[in-house]
């Protein structure tokens, strides 16, 4: 992990400015596959982008060498960074409980590689990302069943399941009982 200074921020700003001069494609779209050249671009825009990138990379490599020769990032800072990332991811999962998310969706949102995300989540929560998400959906389903506002088909739909059958199968796998059995057990306790 490196911190960038004012010099690197200035270089990034120059790269973005030259990219706006050189390309008509929206620069804020991470999924963009190809940049479209601007027809009336200023002379030398692409060359300046290359020069600024090279300068920035040289600066970052030098910083990394200095950091490696000094001390490593303290474990408390890394722990705090990991905790912040976990909170960001779990909030994302909670906000999207009504959707069908894939592991790739979570990776794209968190901007972290698949392996690192798996390791981090397993270390912090004890289960994988998607298992956590499914368990969270089941807990929400239990709450909705206890409240009694929705039938099982509506609950399945609200939680992003493609069918009531898939929801019921997943619910039984997670809780050991069908949604109907769970609803009955809740009523008996009341």
C-alpha atoms as a PDB file:
ATOM      1  CA  UNK A   1       0.000   0.000   0.000  1.00  0.00           C
ATOM      2  CA  UNK A   2       1.414   3.321  -1.051  1.00  0.00           C
ATOM      3  CA  UNK A   3       0.287   6.813  -0.305  1.00  0.00           C
ATOM      4  CA  UNK A   4       0.502   9.228  -3.159  1.00  0.00           C
ATOM      5  CA  UNK A   5       1.730  12.725  -2.605  1.00  0.00           C
ATOM      6  CA  UNK A   6       1.020  16.047  -4.225  1.00  0.00           C
ATOM      7  CA  UNK A   7       3.377  15.309  -7.107  1.00  0.00           C
ATOM      8  CA  UNK A   8       1.512  12.093  -8.035  1.00  0.00           C
ATOM      9  CA  UNK A   9      -1.858  13.839  -7.649  1.00  0.00           C
ATOM     10  CA  UNK A  10      -0.657  16.553 -10.016  1.00  0.00           C
ATOM     11  CA  UNK A  11       0.469  13.921 -12.530  1.00  0.00           C
ATOM     12  CA  UNK A  12      -2.907  12.155 -12.302  1.00  0.00           C
ATOM     13  CA  UNK A  13      -4.670  15.462 -12.932  1.00  0.00           C
ATOM     14  CA  UNK A  14      -2.469  16.077 -15.970  1.00  0.00           C
ATOM     15  CA  UNK A  15      -3.160  12.572 -17.310  1.00  0.00           C
ATOM     16  CA  UNK A  16      -6.920  13.102 -16.935  1.00  0.00           C
ATOM     17  CA  UNK A  17      -6.748  16.547 -18.551  1.00  0.00           C
ATOM     18  CA  UNK A  18      -4.826  15.179 -21.550  1.00  0.00           C
ATOM     19  CA  UNK A  19      -7.161  12.169 -21.789  1.00  0.00           C
ATOM     20  CA  UNK A  20     -10.136  14.544 -21.997  1.00  0.00           C
ATOM     21  CA  UNK A  21      -8.340  16.397 -24.776  1.00  0.00           C
ATOM     22  CA  UNK A  22      -7.503  13.183 -26.649  1.00  0.00           C
ATOM     23  CA  UNK A  23     -10.643  11.027 -26.240  1.00  0.00           C
ATOM     24  CA  UNK A  24     -14.385  11.560 -26.542  1.00  0.00           C
ATOM     25  CA  UNK A  25     -15.277   8.405 -24.554  1.00  0.00           C
ATOM     26  CA  UNK A  26     -16.512   8.904 -20.965  1.00  0.00           C
ATOM     27  CA  UNK A  27     -13.456   8.421 -18.749  1.00  0.00           C
ATOM     28  CA  UNK A  28     -15.381   7.496 -15.604  1.00  0.00           C
ATOM     29  CA  UNK A  29     -16.643   4.169 -16.955  1.00  0.00           C
ATOM     30  CA  UNK A  30     -14.473   1.299 -15.627  1.00  0.00           C
ATOM     31  CA  UNK A  31     -16.089  -1.264 -17.939  1.00  0.00           C
ATOM     32  CA  UNK A  32     -15.185   0.729 -21.069  1.00  0.00           C
ATOM     33  CA  UNK A  33     -13.320  -1.560 -23.472  1.00  0.00           C
ATOM     34  CA  UNK A  34     -11.992   0.957 -25.987  1.00  0.00           C
ATOM     35  CA  UNK A  35     -11.425   4.704 -26.000  1.00  0.00           C
ATOM     36  CA  UNK A  36     -12.726   6.693 -28.965  1.00  0.00           C
ATOM     37  CA  UNK A  37     -10.301   9.298 -30.269  1.00  0.00           C
ATOM     38  CA  UNK A  38     -11.532  12.879 -30.355  1.00  0.00           C
ATOM     39  CA  UNK A  39     -11.486  14.168 -33.946  1.00  0.00           C
ATOM     40  CA  UNK A  40     -10.160  17.601 -33.078  1.00  0.00           C
ATOM     41  CA  UNK A  41      -7.725  16.545 -30.347  1.00  0.00           C
ATOM     42  CA  UNK A  42      -4.799  18.732 -29.447  1.00  0.00           C
ATOM     43  CA  UNK A  43      -1.412  17.811 -30.824  1.00  0.00           C
ATOM     44  CA  UNK A  44       0.628  15.447 -28.612  1.00  0.00           C
ATOM     45  CA  UNK A  45      -2.096  14.490 -26.111  1.00  0.00           C
ATOM     46  CA  UNK A  46      -1.398  10.768 -26.240  1.00  0.00           C
ATOM     47  CA  UNK A  47       2.359  11.305 -26.000  1.00  0.00           C
ATOM     48  CA  UNK A  48       1.908  13.501 -22.916  1.00  0.00           C
ATOM     49  CA  UNK A  49      -0.312  10.845 -21.307  1.00  0.00           C
ATOM     50  CA  UNK A  50       2.474   8.313 -21.825  1.00  0.00           C
ATOM     51  CA  UNK A  51       5.122  10.654 -20.414  1.00  0.00           C
ATOM     52  CA  UNK A  52       3.036  11.503 -17.328  1.00  0.00           C
ATOM     53  CA  UNK A  53       2.255   7.815 -16.734  1.00  0.00           C
ATOM     54  CA  UNK A  54       5.922   6.874 -16.969  1.00  0.00           C
ATOM     55  CA  UNK A  55       6.861   9.653 -14.564  1.00  0.00           C
ATOM     56  CA  UNK A  56       4.156   8.611 -12.112  1.00  0.00           C
ATOM     57  CA  UNK A  57       5.203   4.942 -12.259  1.00  0.00           C
ATOM     58  CA  UNK A  58       8.831   5.879 -11.662  1.00  0.00           C
ATOM     59  CA  UNK A  59       7.766   7.951  -8.649  1.00  0.00           C
ATOM     60  CA  UNK A  60       5.670   5.066  -7.269  1.00  0.00           C
ATOM     61  CA  UNK A  61       8.483   2.525  -7.753  1.00  0.00           C
ATOM     62  CA  UNK A  62      10.907   4.835  -5.966  1.00  0.00           C
ATOM     63  CA  UNK A  63       8.431   5.289  -3.102  1.00  0.00           C
ATOM     64  CA  UNK A  64       7.930   1.530  -2.841  1.00  0.00           C
ATOM     65  CA  UNK A  65      11.668   0.959  -2.676  1.00  0.00           C
ATOM     66  CA  UNK A  66      11.945   3.549   0.080  1.00  0.00           C
ATOM     67  CA  UNK A  67       9.003   2.043   1.968  1.00  0.00           C
ATOM     68  CA  UNK A  68      10.452  -1.479   1.664  1.00  0.00           C
ATOM     69  CA  UNK A  69      13.794  -0.268   2.970  1.00  0.00           C
ATOM     70  CA  UNK A  70      12.092   1.418   5.918  1.00  0.00           C
ATOM     71  CA  UNK A  71       9.327  -0.222   7.891  1.00  0.00           C
ATOM     72  CA  UNK A  72       6.338  -2.263   6.733  1.00  0.00           C
ATOM     73  CA  UNK A  73       2.814  -0.947   7.077  1.00  0.00           C
ATOM     74  CA  UNK A  74       1.828  -1.390  10.689  1.00  0.00           C
ATOM     75  CA  UNK A  75      -0.531  -4.247  11.409  1.00  0.00           C
ATOM     76  CA  UNK A  76      -3.017  -1.927  13.112  1.00  0.00           C
ATOM     77  CA  UNK A  77      -3.315   0.233   9.981  1.00  0.00           C
ATOM     78  CA  UNK A  78      -3.812  -2.871   7.817  1.00  0.00           C
ATOM     79  CA  UNK A  79      -6.366  -4.219  10.287  1.00  0.00           C
ATOM     80  CA  UNK A  80      -8.287  -0.945  10.183  1.00  0.00           C
ATOM     81  CA  UNK A  81      -8.138  -0.897   6.385  1.00  0.00           C
ATOM     82  CA  UNK A  82      -9.411  -4.495   6.216  1.00  0.00           C
ATOM     83  CA  UNK A  83     -12.211  -3.718   8.688  1.00  0.00           C
ATOM     84  CA  UNK A  84     -13.274  -0.667   6.680  1.00  0.00           C
ATOM     85  CA  UNK A  85     -13.341  -2.753   3.504  1.00  0.00           C
ATOM     86  CA  UNK A  86     -15.377  -5.484   5.221  1.00  0.00           C
ATOM     87  CA  UNK A  87     -17.884  -2.908   6.463  1.00  0.00           C
ATOM     88  CA  UNK A  88     -18.150  -1.456   2.960  1.00  0.00           C
ATOM     89  CA  UNK A  89     -18.756  -4.908   1.450  1.00  0.00           C
ATOM     90  CA  UNK A  90     -21.298  -6.036   4.062  1.00  0.00           C
ATOM     91  CA  UNK A  91     -23.190  -2.743   3.646  1.00  0.00           C
ATOM     92  CA  UNK A  92     -23.214  -3.323  -0.115  1.00  0.00           C
ATOM     93  CA  UNK A  93     -24.607  -6.830   0.391  1.00  0.00           C
ATOM     94  CA  UNK A  94     -27.299  -5.537   2.761  1.00  0.00           C
ATOM     95  CA  UNK A  95     -28.292  -2.763   0.351  1.00  0.00           C
ATOM     96  CA  UNK A  96     -28.626  -5.307  -2.460  1.00  0.00           C
ATOM     97  CA  UNK A  97     -30.388  -8.077  -0.549  1.00  0.00           C
ATOM     98  CA  UNK A  98     -33.270  -7.924  -3.031  1.00  0.00           C
ATOM     99  CA  UNK A  99     -30.948  -8.645  -5.979  1.00  0.00           C
ATOM    100  CA  UNK A 100     -29.180 -11.697  -7.294  1.00  0.00           C
ATOM    101  CA  UNK A 101     -25.519 -10.783  -6.912  1.00  0.00           C
ATOM    102  CA  UNK A 102     -22.581 -12.800  -8.157  1.00  0.00           C
ATOM    103  CA  UNK A 103     -19.128 -13.035  -6.627  1.00  0.00           C
ATOM    104  CA  UNK A 104     -17.858 -10.995  -9.589  1.00  0.00           C
ATOM    105  CA  UNK A 105     -20.335  -8.223  -8.722  1.00  0.00           C
ATOM    106  CA  UNK A 106     -18.886  -8.032  -5.212  1.00  0.00           C
ATOM    107  CA  UNK A 107     -15.324  -8.039  -6.560  1.00  0.00           C
ATOM    108  CA  UNK A 108     -16.130  -5.208  -8.971  1.00  0.00           C
ATOM    109  CA  UNK A 109     -17.796  -3.177  -6.234  1.00  0.00           C
ATOM    110  CA  UNK A 110     -14.988  -3.670  -3.722  1.00  0.00           C
ATOM    111  CA  UNK A 111     -12.240  -3.290  -6.348  1.00  0.00           C
ATOM    112  CA  UNK A 112     -10.373  -6.233  -4.874  1.00  0.00           C
ATOM    113  CA  UNK A 113      -9.207  -9.428  -6.564  1.00  0.00           C
ATOM    114  CA  UNK A 114     -11.132 -12.678  -6.148  1.00  0.00           C
ATOM    115  CA  UNK A 115      -8.452 -14.476  -4.161  1.00  0.00           C
ATOM    116  CA  UNK A 116      -7.824 -11.541  -1.829  1.00  0.00           C
ATOM    117  CA  UNK A 117     -11.549 -11.101  -1.258  1.00  0.00           C
ATOM    118  CA  UNK A 118     -11.999 -14.795  -0.453  1.00  0.00           C
ATOM    119  CA  UNK A 119      -9.093 -14.787   1.986  1.00  0.00           C
ATOM    120  CA  UNK A 120     -10.161 -11.535   3.654  1.00  0.00           C
ATOM    121  CA  UNK A 121     -13.786 -12.604   4.066  1.00  0.00           C
ATOM    122  CA  UNK A 122     -12.899 -16.067   5.340  1.00  0.00           C
ATOM    123  CA  UNK A 123     -10.454 -14.540   7.830  1.00  0.00           C
ATOM    124  CA  UNK A 124     -12.853 -11.864   9.110  1.00  0.00           C
ATOM    125  CA  UNK A 125     -16.234 -13.656   8.989  1.00  0.00           C
ATOM    126  CA  UNK A 126     -15.371 -17.337   8.829  1.00  0.00           C
ATOM    127  CA  UNK A 127     -17.430 -18.026   5.706  1.00  0.00           C
ATOM    128  CA  UNK A 128     -17.223 -17.093   2.047  1.00  0.00           C
ATOM    129  CA  UNK A 129     -18.777 -13.945   0.600  1.00  0.00           C
ATOM    130  CA  UNK A 130     -21.640 -15.674  -1.177  1.00  0.00           C
ATOM    131  CA  UNK A 131     -22.413 -17.943   1.778  1.00  0.00           C
ATOM    132  CA  UNK A 132     -22.562 -14.838   3.987  1.00  0.00           C
ATOM    133  CA  UNK A 133     -24.906 -13.187   1.471  1.00  0.00           C
ATOM    134  CA  UNK A 134     -27.181 -16.249   1.323  1.00  0.00           C
ATOM    135  CA  UNK A 135     -27.244 -16.508   5.122  1.00  0.00           C
ATOM    136  CA  UNK A 136     -28.110 -12.829   5.350  1.00  0.00           C
ATOM    137  CA  UNK A 137     -30.991 -13.394   2.921  1.00  0.00           C
ATOM    138  CA  UNK A 138     -32.244 -16.305   5.043  1.00  0.00           C
ATOM    139  CA  UNK A 139     -32.151 -14.171   8.212  1.00  0.00           C
ATOM    140  CA  UNK A 140     -34.143 -11.508   6.399  1.00  0.00           C
ATOM    141  CA  UNK A 141     -36.595 -14.177   5.188  1.00  0.00           C
ATOM    142  CA  UNK A 142     -37.045 -15.374   8.786  1.00  0.00           C
ATOM    143  CA  UNK A 143     -37.838 -11.823   9.866  1.00  0.00           C
ATOM    144  CA  UNK A 144     -40.347 -11.414   7.046  1.00  0.00           C
ATOM    145  CA  UNK A 145     -42.000 -14.744   7.913  1.00  0.00           C
ATOM    146  CA  UNK A 146     -42.283 -13.732  11.589  1.00  0.00           C
ATOM    147  CA  UNK A 147     -43.825 -10.395  10.623  1.00  0.00           C
ATOM    148  CA  UNK A 148     -46.388 -12.208   8.480  1.00  0.00           C
ATOM    149  CA  UNK A 149     -46.838  -9.360   5.972  1.00  0.00           C
ATOM    150  CA  UNK A 150     -45.892 -11.392   2.900  1.00  0.00           C
ATOM    151  CA  UNK A 151     -46.525 -14.881   1.591  1.00  0.00           C
ATOM    152  CA  UNK A 152     -43.592 -17.115   0.650  1.00  0.00           C
ATOM    153  CA  UNK A 153     -43.741 -16.255  -3.047  1.00  0.00           C
ATOM    154  CA  UNK A 154     -43.562 -12.529  -2.236  1.00  0.00           C
ATOM    155  CA  UNK A 155     -40.684 -13.090   0.189  1.00  0.00           C
ATOM    156  CA  UNK A 156     -38.782 -15.107  -2.420  1.00  0.00           C
ATOM    157  CA  UNK A 157     -39.341 -12.350  -4.975  1.00  0.00           C
ATOM    158  CA  UNK A 158     -38.348  -9.549  -2.567  1.00  0.00           C
ATOM    159  CA  UNK A 159     -35.108 -11.358  -1.760  1.00  0.00           C
ATOM    160  CA  UNK A 160     -34.156 -11.855  -5.405  1.00  0.00           C
ATOM    161  CA  UNK A 161     -34.802 -15.592  -5.708  1.00  0.00           C
ATOM    162  CA  UNK A 162     -35.765 -16.725  -9.192  1.00  0.00           C
ATOM    163  CA  UNK A 163     -38.491 -19.051  -7.884  1.00  0.00           C
ATOM    164  CA  UNK A 164     -40.288 -20.094  -4.719  1.00  0.00           C
ATOM    165  CA  UNK A 165     -38.844 -23.583  -5.150  1.00  0.00           C
ATOM    166  CA  UNK A 166     -35.263 -22.329  -5.169  1.00  0.00           C
ATOM    167  CA  UNK A 167     -36.022 -20.163  -2.131  1.00  0.00           C
ATOM    168  CA  UNK A 168     -37.633 -23.058  -0.231  1.00  0.00           C
ATOM    169  CA  UNK A 169     -34.740 -25.391  -1.044  1.00  0.00           C
ATOM    170  CA  UNK A 170     -32.183 -22.833   0.078  1.00  0.00           C
ATOM    171  CA  UNK A 171     -34.193 -22.009   3.214  1.00  0.00           C
ATOM    172  CA  UNK A 172     -34.389 -25.686   4.182  1.00  0.00           C
ATOM    173  CA  UNK A 173     -30.687 -26.210   3.566  1.00  0.00           C
ATOM    174  CA  UNK A 174     -29.835 -23.244   5.807  1.00  0.00           C
ATOM    175  CA  UNK A 175     -32.350 -23.788   8.625  1.00  0.00           C
ATOM    176  CA  UNK A 176     -33.199 -27.481   8.473  1.00  0.00           C
ATOM    177  CA  UNK A 177     -36.877 -26.754   7.869  1.00  0.00           C
ATOM    178  CA  UNK A 178     -39.082 -25.475   5.080  1.00  0.00           C
ATOM    179  CA  UNK A 179     -40.457 -21.936   5.217  1.00  0.00           C
ATOM    180  CA  UNK A 180     -43.883 -23.405   6.145  1.00  0.00           C
ATOM    181  CA  UNK A 181     -42.382 -25.433   8.987  1.00  0.00           C
ATOM    182  CA  UNK A 182     -40.521 -22.362  10.214  1.00  0.00           C
ATOM    183  CA  UNK A 183     -43.704 -20.253  10.110  1.00  0.00           C
ATOM    184  CA  UNK A 184     -45.574 -22.944  12.022  1.00  0.00           C
ATOM    185  CA  UNK A 185     -42.798 -23.198  14.641  1.00  0.00           C
ATOM    186  CA  UNK A 186     -42.906 -19.431  15.138  1.00  0.00           C
ATOM    187  CA  UNK A 187     -46.690 -19.475  15.598  1.00  0.00           C
ATOM    188  CA  UNK A 188     -46.442 -22.330  18.110  1.00  0.00           C
ATOM    189  CA  UNK A 189     -43.907 -20.385  20.178  1.00  0.00           C
ATOM    190  CA  UNK A 190     -46.173 -17.341  20.215  1.00  0.00           C
END
